[in-house]
Amino acid sequence: MNHKKYLIPTSILLTFYYLIPLTKTQGLVIISLLIIYPLVNFILSLIQAKKHGFDLMIPILSGLLFLPTVYIYYNESALFYVLAYATISLFGSGIGAIVKNNRKRS
């Protein structure tokens, strides 16, 4: 298994998940939870799948990397986002894999 392909997505997710809440800007944190994080997850997963094919590890990483932030920055009500971001990432991975497979056929 090539772990290097996870380095960039993991770094990007960690940067977004852990640095934005440090701003302590309530509006930015809410926008991040509802818009920025889902977009980052979807786009990262899409790009990874287009490049490497479908990989379930990306959605799993997406959820697991967010999990500690629930207890560091938020509260238990934010546990919903762990599953939400993993699911969004799963959709991005699926679409990216479809695009990659369609390119191969062309």
PDB file of N, CA and C in Angstrom:
ATOM      1  N   MET A   1       0.843  -1.174   0.000  1.00  0.00           N
ATOM      2  CA  MET A   1       0.000   0.000   0.000  1.00  0.00           C
ATOM      3  C   MET A   1       0.893   1.243   0.000  1.00  0.00           C
ATOM      4  N   ASN A   2       0.534   2.202  -0.858  1.00  0.00           N
ATOM      5  CA  ASN A   2       1.305   3.433  -0.991  1.00  0.00           C
ATOM      6  C   ASN A   2       0.752   4.505  -0.058  1.00  0.00           C
ATOM      7  N   HIS A   3       1.391   4.697   1.074  1.00  0.00           N
ATOM      8  CA  HIS A   3       0.924   5.665   2.069  1.00  0.00           C
ATOM      9  C   HIS A   3       1.207   7.101   1.658  1.00  0.00           C
ATOM     10  N   LYS A   4       2.135   7.303   0.731  1.00  0.00           N
ATOM     11  CA  LYS A   4       2.484   8.658   0.303  1.00  0.00           C
ATOM     12  C   LYS A   4       1.303   9.364  -0.359  1.00  0.00           C
ATOM     13  N   LYS A   5       0.413   8.608  -0.983  1.00  0.00           N
ATOM     14  CA  LYS A   5      -0.721   9.247  -1.651  1.00  0.00           C
ATOM     15  C   LYS A   5      -1.703   9.862  -0.656  1.00  0.00           C
ATOM     16  N   TYR A   6      -1.579   9.520   0.611  1.00  0.00           N
ATOM     17  CA  TYR A   6      -2.452  10.088   1.644  1.00  0.00           C
ATOM     18  C   TYR A   6      -1.856  11.331   2.306  1.00  0.00           C
ATOM     19  N   LEU A   7      -0.592  11.603   2.052  1.00  0.00           N
ATOM     20  CA  LEU A   7       0.102  12.691   2.724  1.00  0.00           C
ATOM     21  C   LEU A   7      -0.523  14.061   2.431  1.00  0.00           C
ATOM     22  N   ILE A   8      -0.757  14.376   1.177  1.00  0.00           N
ATOM     23  CA  ILE A   8      -1.310  15.691   0.828  1.00  0.00           C
ATOM     24  C   ILE A   8      -2.745  15.843   1.315  1.00  0.00           C
ATOM     25  N   PRO A   9      -3.644  14.881   1.045  1.00  0.00           N
ATOM     26  CA  PRO A   9      -5.011  15.052   1.552  1.00  0.00           C
ATOM     27  C   PRO A   9      -5.064  15.137   3.082  1.00  0.00           C
ATOM     28  N   THR A  10      -4.262  14.347   3.755  1.00  0.00           N
ATOM     29  CA  THR A  10      -4.237  14.377   5.217  1.00  0.00           C
ATOM     30  C   THR A  10      -3.746  15.736   5.709  1.00  0.00           C
ATOM     31  N   SER A  11      -2.713  16.249   5.096  1.00  0.00           N
ATOM     32  CA  SER A  11      -2.177  17.559   5.485  1.00  0.00           C
ATOM     33  C   SER A  11      -3.199  18.671   5.279  1.00  0.00           C
ATOM     34  N   ILE A  12      -3.892  18.631   4.159  1.00  0.00           N
ATOM     35  CA  ILE A  12      -4.895  19.651   3.864  1.00  0.00           C
ATOM     36  C   ILE A  12      -6.050  19.569   4.856  1.00  0.00           C
ATOM     37  N   LEU A  13      -6.543  18.367   5.101  1.00  0.00           N
ATOM     38  CA  LEU A  13      -7.652  18.209   6.046  1.00  0.00           C
ATOM     39  C   LEU A  13      -7.243  18.658   7.449  1.00  0.00           C
ATOM     40  N   LEU A  14      -6.066  18.265   7.882  1.00  0.00           N
ATOM     41  CA  LEU A  14      -5.604  18.671   9.212  1.00  0.00           C
ATOM     42  C   LEU A  14      -5.487  20.190   9.309  1.00  0.00           C
ATOM     43  N   THR A  15      -4.987  20.809   8.255  1.00  0.00           N
ATOM     44  CA  THR A  15      -4.854  22.266   8.246  1.00  0.00           C
ATOM     45  C   THR A  15      -6.217  22.934   8.398  1.00  0.00           C
ATOM     46  N   PHE A  16      -7.175  22.504   7.607  1.00  0.00           N
ATOM     47  CA  PHE A  16      -8.509  23.107   7.679  1.00  0.00           C
ATOM     48  C   PHE A  16      -9.185  22.786   9.009  1.00  0.00           C
ATOM     49  N   TYR A  17      -9.201  21.517   9.394  1.00  0.00           N
ATOM     50  CA  TYR A  17      -9.913  21.092  10.602  1.00  0.00           C
ATOM     51  C   TYR A  17      -9.367  21.733  11.881  1.00  0.00           C
ATOM     52  N   TYR A  18      -8.055  21.907  11.947  1.00  0.00           N
ATOM     53  CA  TYR A  18      -7.458  22.336  13.211  1.00  0.00           C
ATOM     54  C   TYR A  18      -7.063  23.809  13.265  1.00  0.00           C
ATOM     55  N   LEU A  19      -6.863  24.453  12.122  1.00  0.00           N
ATOM     56  CA  LEU A  19      -6.449  25.854  12.161  1.00  0.00           C
ATOM     57  C   LEU A  19      -7.619  26.839  12.117  1.00  0.00           C
ATOM     58  N   ILE A  20      -8.650  26.544  11.359  1.00  0.00           N
ATOM     59  CA  ILE A  20      -9.787  27.473  11.273  1.00  0.00           C
ATOM     60  C   ILE A  20     -10.423  27.710  12.647  1.00  0.00           C
ATOM     61  N   PRO A  21     -10.666  26.666  13.440  1.00  0.00           N
ATOM     62  CA  PRO A  21     -11.264  26.936  14.763  1.00  0.00           C
ATOM     63  C   PRO A  21     -10.385  27.785  15.675  1.00  0.00           C
ATOM     64  N   LEU A  22      -9.090  27.809  15.428  1.00  0.00           N
ATOM     65  CA  LEU A  22      -8.192  28.626  16.254  1.00  0.00           C
ATOM     66  C   LEU A  22      -8.433  30.118  16.065  1.00  0.00           C
ATOM     67  N   THR A  23      -9.079  30.495  14.969  1.00  0.00           N
ATOM     68  CA  THR A  23      -9.362  31.917  14.734  1.00  0.00           C
ATOM     69  C   THR A  23     -10.365  32.445  15.753  1.00  0.00           C
ATOM     70  N   LYS A  24     -11.136  31.546  16.344  1.00  0.00           N
ATOM     71  CA  LYS A  24     -12.161  31.905  17.335  1.00  0.00           C
ATOM     72  C   LYS A  24     -13.212  32.854  16.763  1.00  0.00           C
ATOM     73  N   THR A  25     -13.305  32.904  15.429  1.00  0.00           N
ATOM     74  CA  THR A  25     -14.309  33.728  14.774  1.00  0.00           C
ATOM     75  C   THR A  25     -15.551  32.867  14.568  1.00  0.00           C
ATOM     76  N   GLN A  26     -16.589  33.132  15.333  1.00  0.00           N
ATOM     77  CA  GLN A  26     -17.797  32.304  15.328  1.00  0.00           C
ATOM     78  C   GLN A  26     -18.364  32.127  13.922  1.00  0.00           C
ATOM     79  N   GLY A  27     -18.442  33.215  13.171  1.00  0.00           N
ATOM     80  CA  GLY A  27     -19.000  33.142  11.820  1.00  0.00           C
ATOM     81  C   GLY A  27     -18.189  32.249  10.910  1.00  0.00           C
ATOM     82  N   LEU A  28     -16.866  32.375  10.974  1.00  0.00           N
ATOM     83  CA  LEU A  28     -15.994  31.556  10.141  1.00  0.00           C
ATOM     84  C   LEU A  28     -16.098  30.085  10.516  1.00  0.00           C
ATOM     85  N   VAL A  29     -16.186  29.805  11.797  1.00  0.00           N
ATOM     86  CA  VAL A  29     -16.296  28.416  12.252  1.00  0.00           C
ATOM     87  C   VAL A  29     -17.599  27.796  11.737  1.00  0.00           C
ATOM     88  N   ILE A  30     -18.692  28.521  11.822  1.00  0.00           N
ATOM     89  CA  ILE A  30     -19.979  28.002  11.345  1.00  0.00           C
ATOM     90  C   ILE A  30     -19.953  27.804   9.826  1.00  0.00           C
ATOM     91  N   ILE A  31     -19.417  28.792   9.107  1.00  0.00           N
ATOM     92  CA  ILE A  31     -19.305  28.664   7.649  1.00  0.00           C
ATOM     93  C   ILE A  31     -18.409  27.479   7.293  1.00  0.00           C
ATOM     94  N   SER A  32     -17.374  27.273   8.074  1.00  0.00           N
ATOM     95  CA  SER A  32     -16.475  26.142   7.834  1.00  0.00           C
ATOM     96  C   SER A  32     -17.197  24.813   7.999  1.00  0.00           C
ATOM     97  N   LEU A  33     -17.933  24.676   9.091  1.00  0.00           N
ATOM     98  CA  LEU A  33     -18.652  23.425   9.341  1.00  0.00           C
ATOM     99  C   LEU A  33     -19.674  23.124   8.253  1.00  0.00           C
ATOM    100  N   LEU A  34     -20.348  24.161   7.773  1.00  0.00           N
ATOM    101  CA  LEU A  34     -21.456  23.956   6.833  1.00  0.00           C
ATOM    102  C   LEU A  34     -21.064  24.032   5.364  1.00  0.00           C
ATOM    103  N   ILE A  35     -20.000  24.773   5.037  1.00  0.00           N
ATOM    104  CA  ILE A  35     -19.672  24.976   3.626  1.00  0.00           C
ATOM    105  C   ILE A  35     -18.228  24.592   3.294  1.00  0.00           C
ATOM    106  N   ILE A  36     -17.272  25.167   4.007  1.00  0.00           N
ATOM    107  CA  ILE A  36     -15.863  24.976   3.644  1.00  0.00           C
ATOM    108  C   ILE A  36     -15.423  23.522   3.806  1.00  0.00           C
ATOM    109  N   TYR A  37     -15.649  22.927   4.965  1.00  0.00           N
ATOM    110  CA  TYR A  37     -15.216  21.545   5.183  1.00  0.00           C
ATOM    111  C   TYR A  37     -15.883  20.569   4.213  1.00  0.00           C
ATOM    112  N   PRO A  38     -17.186  20.672   3.978  1.00  0.00           N
ATOM    113  CA  PRO A  38     -17.779  19.756   2.991  1.00  0.00           C
ATOM    114  C   PRO A  38     -17.174  19.925   1.597  1.00  0.00           C
ATOM    115  N   LEU A  39     -16.936  21.174   1.186  1.00  0.00           N
ATOM    116  CA  LEU A  39     -16.332  21.400  -0.133  1.00  0.00           C
ATOM    117  C   LEU A  39     -14.916  20.847  -0.209  1.00  0.00           C
ATOM    118  N   VAL A  40     -14.136  21.092   0.818  1.00  0.00           N
ATOM    119  CA  VAL A  40     -12.760  20.580   0.844  1.00  0.00           C
ATOM    120  C   VAL A  40     -12.772  19.055   0.784  1.00  0.00           C
ATOM    121  N   ASN A  41     -13.628  18.428   1.557  1.00  0.00           N
ATOM    122  CA  ASN A  41     -13.719  16.969   1.544  1.00  0.00           C
ATOM    123  C   ASN A  41     -14.110  16.441   0.177  1.00  0.00           C
ATOM    124  N   PHE A  42     -15.124  17.052  -0.414  1.00  0.00           N
ATOM    125  CA  PHE A  42     -15.594  16.589  -1.713  1.00  0.00           C
ATOM    126  C   PHE A  42     -14.515  16.752  -2.780  1.00  0.00           C
ATOM    127  N   ILE A  43     -13.916  17.937  -2.845  1.00  0.00           N
ATOM    128  CA  ILE A  43     -12.919  18.215  -3.879  1.00  0.00           C
ATOM    129  C   ILE A  43     -11.662  17.351  -3.698  1.00  0.00           C
ATOM    130  N   LEU A  44     -11.183  17.234  -2.465  1.00  0.00           N
ATOM    131  CA  LEU A  44     -10.015  16.377  -2.214  1.00  0.00           C
ATOM    132  C   LEU A  44     -10.275  14.927  -2.616  1.00  0.00           C
ATOM    133  N   SER A  45     -11.434  14.428  -2.263  1.00  0.00           N
ATOM    134  CA  SER A  45     -11.779  13.039  -2.583  1.00  0.00           C
ATOM    135  C   SER A  45     -11.922  12.845  -4.086  1.00  0.00           C
ATOM    136  N   LEU A  46     -12.525  13.805  -4.733  1.00  0.00           N
ATOM    137  CA  LEU A  46     -12.697  13.758  -6.186  1.00  0.00           C
ATOM    138  C   LEU A  46     -11.334  13.715  -6.874  1.00  0.00           C
ATOM    139  N   ILE A  47     -10.443  14.598  -6.480  1.00  0.00           N
ATOM    140  CA  ILE A  47      -9.104  14.664  -7.080  1.00  0.00           C
ATOM    141  C   ILE A  47      -8.330  13.375  -6.818  1.00  0.00           C
ATOM    142  N   GLN A  48      -8.360  12.901  -5.578  1.00  0.00           N
ATOM    143  CA  GLN A  48      -7.649  11.670  -5.238  1.00  0.00           C
ATOM    144  C   GLN A  48      -8.147  10.482  -6.052  1.00  0.00           C
ATOM    145  N   ALA A  49      -9.465  10.380  -6.187  1.00  0.00           N
ATOM    146  CA  ALA A  49     -10.036   9.250  -6.921  1.00  0.00           C
ATOM    147  C   ALA A  49      -9.743   9.366  -8.418  1.00  0.00           C
ATOM    148  N   LYS A  50      -9.757  10.574  -8.955  1.00  0.00           N
ATOM    149  CA  LYS A  50      -9.410  10.753 -10.369  1.00  0.00           C
ATOM    150  C   LYS A  50      -7.956  10.366 -10.618  1.00  0.00           C
ATOM    151  N   LYS A  51      -7.126  10.594  -9.625  1.00  0.00           N
ATOM    152  CA  LYS A  51      -5.700  10.325  -9.762  1.00  0.00           C
ATOM    153  C   LYS A  51      -5.351   8.856  -9.467  1.00  0.00           C
ATOM    154  N   HIS A  52      -5.921   8.308  -8.385  1.00  0.00           N
ATOM    155  CA  HIS A  52      -5.527   6.986  -7.901  1.00  0.00           C
ATOM    156  C   HIS A  52      -6.629   5.934  -7.979  1.00  0.00           C
ATOM    157  N   GLY A  53      -7.834   6.314  -8.349  1.00  0.00           N
ATOM    158  CA  GLY A  53      -8.953   5.388  -8.328  1.00  0.00           C
ATOM    159  C   GLY A  53      -9.658   5.428  -6.981  1.00  0.00           C
ATOM    160  N   PHE A  54     -10.778   4.751  -6.909  1.00  0.00           N
ATOM    161  CA  PHE A  54     -11.572   4.751  -5.678  1.00  0.00           C
ATOM    162  C   PHE A  54     -10.767   4.145  -4.541  1.00  0.00           C
ATOM    163  N   ASP A  55     -10.805   4.808  -3.398  1.00  0.00           N
ATOM    164  CA  ASP A  55     -10.083   4.353  -2.216  1.00  0.00           C
ATOM    165  C   ASP A  55     -10.919   4.708  -0.991  1.00  0.00           C
ATOM    166  N   LEU A  56     -11.414   3.714  -0.324  1.00  0.00           N
ATOM    167  CA  LEU A  56     -12.263   3.924   0.849  1.00  0.00           C
ATOM    168  C   LEU A  56     -11.510   4.585   2.003  1.00  0.00           C
ATOM    169  N   MET A  57     -10.198   4.548   1.960  1.00  0.00           N
ATOM    170  CA  MET A  57      -9.401   5.129   3.049  1.00  0.00           C
ATOM    171  C   MET A  57      -9.563   6.650   3.125  1.00  0.00           C
ATOM    172  N   ILE A  58      -9.785   7.309   2.010  1.00  0.00           N
ATOM    173  CA  ILE A  58      -9.930   8.765   2.013  1.00  0.00           C
ATOM    174  C   ILE A  58     -11.179   9.182   2.807  1.00  0.00           C
ATOM    175  N   PRO A  59     -12.362   8.618   2.545  1.00  0.00           N
ATOM    176  CA  PRO A  59     -13.517   8.967   3.384  1.00  0.00           C
ATOM    177  C   PRO A  59     -13.329   8.607   4.858  1.00  0.00           C
ATOM    178  N   ILE A  60     -12.668   7.499   5.116  1.00  0.00           N
ATOM    179  CA  ILE A  60     -12.412   7.107   6.505  1.00  0.00           C
ATOM    180  C   ILE A  60     -11.500   8.131   7.181  1.00  0.00           C
ATOM    181  N   LEU A  61     -10.430   8.525   6.487  1.00  0.00           N
ATOM    182  CA  LEU A  61      -9.527   9.547   7.024  1.00  0.00           C
ATOM    183  C   LEU A  61     -10.260  10.859   7.268  1.00  0.00           C
ATOM    184  N   SER A  62     -11.127  11.212   6.349  1.00  0.00           N
ATOM    185  CA  SER A  62     -11.876  12.459   6.465  1.00  0.00           C
ATOM    186  C   SER A  62     -12.669  12.506   7.766  1.00  0.00           C
ATOM    187  N   GLY A  63     -13.360  11.434   8.066  1.00  0.00           N
ATOM    188  CA  GLY A  63     -14.137  11.373   9.307  1.00  0.00           C
ATOM    189  C   GLY A  63     -13.267  11.261  10.547  1.00  0.00           C
ATOM    190  N   LEU A  64     -12.268  10.397  10.484  1.00  0.00           N
ATOM    191  CA  LEU A  64     -11.423  10.166  11.661  1.00  0.00           C
ATOM    192  C   LEU A  64     -10.580  11.384  12.028  1.00  0.00           C
ATOM    193  N   LEU A  65     -10.123  12.124  11.023  1.00  0.00           N
ATOM    194  CA  LEU A  65      -9.322  13.312  11.320  1.00  0.00           C
ATOM    195  C   LEU A  65     -10.158  14.421  11.943  1.00  0.00           C
ATOM    196  N   PHE A  66     -11.458  14.441  11.626  1.00  0.00           N
ATOM    197  CA  PHE A  66     -12.322  15.453  12.218  1.00  0.00           C
ATOM    198  C   PHE A  66     -12.731  15.082  13.650  1.00  0.00           C
ATOM    199  N   LEU A  67     -12.789  13.804  13.953  1.00  0.00           N
ATOM    200  CA  LEU A  67     -13.286  13.330  15.246  1.00  0.00           C
ATOM    201  C   LEU A  67     -12.643  14.019  16.459  1.00  0.00           C
ATOM    202  N   PRO A  68     -11.330  14.133  16.550  1.00  0.00           N
ATOM    203  CA  PRO A  68     -10.762  14.800  17.729  1.00  0.00           C
ATOM    204  C   PRO A  68     -11.179  16.264  17.868  1.00  0.00           C
ATOM    205  N   THR A  69     -11.462  16.931  16.748  1.00  0.00           N
ATOM    206  CA  THR A  69     -11.858  18.340  16.826  1.00  0.00           C
ATOM    207  C   THR A  69     -13.191  18.512  17.543  1.00  0.00           C
ATOM    208  N   VAL A  70     -14.015  17.486  17.497  1.00  0.00           N
ATOM    209  CA  VAL A  70     -15.303  17.538  18.194  1.00  0.00           C
ATOM    210  C   VAL A  70     -15.073  17.803  19.677  1.00  0.00           C
ATOM    211  N   TYR A  71     -14.077  17.137  20.228  1.00  0.00           N
ATOM    212  CA  TYR A  71     -13.803  17.266  21.659  1.00  0.00           C
ATOM    213  C   TYR A  71     -12.843  18.412  21.973  1.00  0.00           C
ATOM    214  N   ILE A  72     -12.042  18.822  21.000  1.00  0.00           N
ATOM    215  CA  ILE A  72     -11.103  19.922  21.214  1.00  0.00           C
ATOM    216  C   ILE A  72     -11.793  21.275  21.071  1.00  0.00           C
ATOM    217  N   TYR A  73     -12.576  21.439  19.999  1.00  0.00           N
ATOM    218  CA  TYR A  73     -13.139  22.754  19.674  1.00  0.00           C
ATOM    219  C   TYR A  73     -14.655  22.856  19.830  1.00  0.00           C
ATOM    220  N   TYR A  74     -15.350  21.759  19.670  1.00  0.00           N
ATOM    221  CA  TYR A  74     -16.808  21.809  19.618  1.00  0.00           C
ATOM    222  C   TYR A  74     -17.386  21.076  20.834  1.00  0.00           C
ATOM    223  N   ASN A  75     -18.450  20.349  20.614  1.00  0.00           N
ATOM    224  CA  ASN A  75     -19.018  19.486  21.647  1.00  0.00           C
ATOM    225  C   ASN A  75     -19.639  18.273  20.964  1.00  0.00           C
ATOM    226  N   GLU A  76     -20.251  17.403  21.721  1.00  0.00           N
ATOM    227  CA  GLU A  76     -20.770  16.143  21.180  1.00  0.00           C
ATOM    228  C   GLU A  76     -21.805  16.339  20.072  1.00  0.00           C
ATOM    229  N   SER A  77     -22.445  17.489  20.045  1.00  0.00           N
ATOM    230  CA  SER A  77     -23.424  17.720  18.975  1.00  0.00           C
ATOM    231  C   SER A  77     -22.757  17.772  17.602  1.00  0.00           C
ATOM    232  N   ALA A  78     -21.450  17.994  17.561  1.00  0.00           N
ATOM    233  CA  ALA A  78     -20.718  18.040  16.296  1.00  0.00           C
ATOM    234  C   ALA A  78     -20.311  16.650  15.801  1.00  0.00           C
ATOM    235  N   LEU A  79     -20.613  15.610  16.557  1.00  0.00           N
ATOM    236  CA  LEU A  79     -20.301  14.248  16.108  1.00  0.00           C
ATOM    237  C   LEU A  79     -20.979  13.914  14.788  1.00  0.00           C
ATOM    238  N   PHE A  80     -22.119  14.525  14.541  1.00  0.00           N
ATOM    239  CA  PHE A  80     -22.837  14.337  13.277  1.00  0.00           C
ATOM    240  C   PHE A  80     -21.921  14.623  12.079  1.00  0.00           C
ATOM    241  N   TYR A  81     -21.066  15.630  12.210  1.00  0.00           N
ATOM    242  CA  TYR A  81     -20.214  16.045  11.095  1.00  0.00           C
ATOM    243  C   TYR A  81     -19.177  14.988  10.729  1.00  0.00           C
ATOM    244  N   VAL A  82     -18.780  14.153  11.666  1.00  0.00           N
ATOM    245  CA  VAL A  82     -17.837  13.075  11.363  1.00  0.00           C
ATOM    246  C   VAL A  82     -18.424  12.199  10.262  1.00  0.00           C
ATOM    247  N   LEU A  83     -19.641  11.765  10.460  1.00  0.00           N
ATOM    248  CA  LEU A  83     -20.309  10.932   9.459  1.00  0.00           C
ATOM    249  C   LEU A  83     -20.637  11.731   8.196  1.00  0.00           C
ATOM    250  N   ALA A  84     -21.048  12.976   8.368  1.00  0.00           N
ATOM    251  CA  ALA A  84     -21.393  13.814   7.211  1.00  0.00           C
ATOM    252  C   ALA A  84     -20.180  14.011   6.309  1.00  0.00           C
ATOM    253  N   TYR A  85     -19.035  14.342   6.868  1.00  0.00           N
ATOM    254  CA  TYR A  85     -17.847  14.588   6.048  1.00  0.00           C
ATOM    255  C   TYR A  85     -17.335  13.309   5.405  1.00  0.00           C
ATOM    256  N   ALA A  86     -17.428  12.201   6.114  1.00  0.00           N
ATOM    257  CA  ALA A  86     -17.034  10.919   5.527  1.00  0.00           C
ATOM    258  C   ALA A  86     -17.958  10.566   4.357  1.00  0.00           C
ATOM    259  N   THR A  87     -19.242  10.831   4.514  1.00  0.00           N
ATOM    260  CA  THR A  87     -20.201  10.541   3.446  1.00  0.00           C
ATOM    261  C   THR A  87     -19.966  11.436   2.234  1.00  0.00           C
ATOM    262  N   ILE A  88     -19.752  12.716   2.472  1.00  0.00           N
ATOM    263  CA  ILE A  88     -19.462  13.648   1.375  1.00  0.00           C
ATOM    264  C   ILE A  88     -18.188  13.225   0.656  1.00  0.00           C
ATOM    265  N   SER A  89     -17.200  12.825   1.414  1.00  0.00           N
ATOM    266  CA  SER A  89     -15.954  12.347   0.839  1.00  0.00           C
ATOM    267  C   SER A  89     -16.180  11.070   0.019  1.00  0.00           C
ATOM    268  N   LEU A  90     -17.044  10.211   0.502  1.00  0.00           N
ATOM    269  CA  LEU A  90     -17.382   8.985  -0.222  1.00  0.00           C
ATOM    270  C   LEU A  90     -18.001   9.316  -1.580  1.00  0.00           C
ATOM    271  N   PHE A  91     -18.905  10.287  -1.618  1.00  0.00           N
ATOM    272  CA  PHE A  91     -19.501  10.712  -2.888  1.00  0.00           C
ATOM    273  C   PHE A  91     -18.436  11.279  -3.821  1.00  0.00           C
ATOM    274  N   GLY A  92     -17.556  12.113  -3.299  1.00  0.00           N
ATOM    275  CA  GLY A  92     -16.480  12.669  -4.117  1.00  0.00           C
ATOM    276  C   GLY A  92     -15.580  11.582  -4.683  1.00  0.00           C
ATOM    277  N   SER A  93     -15.266  10.598  -3.861  1.00  0.00           N
ATOM    278  CA  SER A  93     -14.439   9.479  -4.308  1.00  0.00           C
ATOM    279  C   SER A  93     -15.139   8.676  -5.393  1.00  0.00           C
ATOM    280  N   GLY A  94     -16.413   8.453  -5.206  1.00  0.00           N
ATOM    281  CA  GLY A  94     -17.180   7.705  -6.209  1.00  0.00           C
ATOM    282  C   GLY A  94     -17.236   8.427  -7.543  1.00  0.00           C
ATOM    283  N   ILE A  95     -17.501   9.716  -7.502  1.00  0.00           N
ATOM    284  CA  ILE A  95     -17.573  10.492  -8.744  1.00  0.00           C
ATOM    285  C   ILE A  95     -16.194  10.561  -9.402  1.00  0.00           C
ATOM    286  N   GLY A  96     -15.156  10.761  -8.608  1.00  0.00           N
ATOM    287  CA  GLY A  96     -13.800  10.786  -9.154  1.00  0.00           C
ATOM    288  C   GLY A  96     -13.420   9.470  -9.801  1.00  0.00           C
ATOM    289  N   ALA A  97     -13.809   8.356  -9.190  1.00  0.00           N
ATOM    290  CA  ALA A  97     -13.519   7.037  -9.754  1.00  0.00           C
ATOM    291  C   ALA A  97     -14.272   6.832 -11.064  1.00  0.00           C
ATOM    292  N   ILE A  98     -15.514   7.295 -11.124  1.00  0.00           N
ATOM    293  CA  ILE A  98     -16.297   7.186 -12.366  1.00  0.00           C
ATOM    294  C   ILE A  98     -15.630   7.989 -13.475  1.00  0.00           C
ATOM    295  N   VAL A  99     -15.199   9.200 -13.151  1.00  0.00           N
ATOM    296  CA  VAL A  99     -14.515  10.042 -14.140  1.00  0.00           C
ATOM    297  C   VAL A  99     -13.241   9.361 -14.622  1.00  0.00           C
ATOM    298  N   LYS A 100     -12.478   8.811 -13.692  1.00  0.00           N
ATOM    299  CA  LYS A 100     -11.233   8.122 -14.066  1.00  0.00           C
ATOM    300  C   LYS A 100     -11.523   6.938 -14.978  1.00  0.00           C
ATOM    301  N   ASN A 101     -12.535   6.154 -14.648  1.00  0.00           N
ATOM    302  CA  ASN A 101     -12.874   4.989 -15.465  1.00  0.00           C
ATOM    303  C   ASN A 101     -13.393   5.402 -16.838  1.00  0.00           C
ATOM    304  N   ASN A 102     -14.146   6.470 -16.912  1.00  0.00           N
ATOM    305  CA  ASN A 102     -14.648   6.932 -18.205  1.00  0.00           C
ATOM    306  C   ASN A 102     -13.528   7.462 -19.076  1.00  0.00           C
ATOM    307  N   ARG A 103     -12.533   8.074 -18.478  1.00  0.00           N
ATOM    308  CA  ARG A 103     -11.364   8.546 -19.246  1.00  0.00           C
ATOM    309  C   ARG A 103     -10.586   7.386 -19.839  1.00  0.00           C
ATOM    310  N   LYS A 104     -10.484   6.290 -19.098  1.00  0.00           N
ATOM    311  CA  LYS A 104      -9.764   5.118 -19.591  1.00  0.00           C
ATOM    312  C   LYS A 104     -10.449   4.530 -20.828  1.00  0.00           C
ATOM    313  N   ARG A 105     -11.780   4.566 -20.837  1.00  0.00           N
ATOM    314  CA  ARG A 105     -12.541   3.996 -21.955  1.00  0.00           C
ATOM    315  C   ARG A 105     -12.446   4.835 -23.210  1.00  0.00           C
ATOM    316  N   SER A 106     -12.246   6.131 -23.039  1.00  0.00           N
ATOM    317  CA  SER A 106     -12.216   7.033 -24.196  1.00  0.00           C
ATOM    318  C   SER A 106     -10.947   6.901 -24.980  1.00  0.00           C
TER     319      SER A 106
END
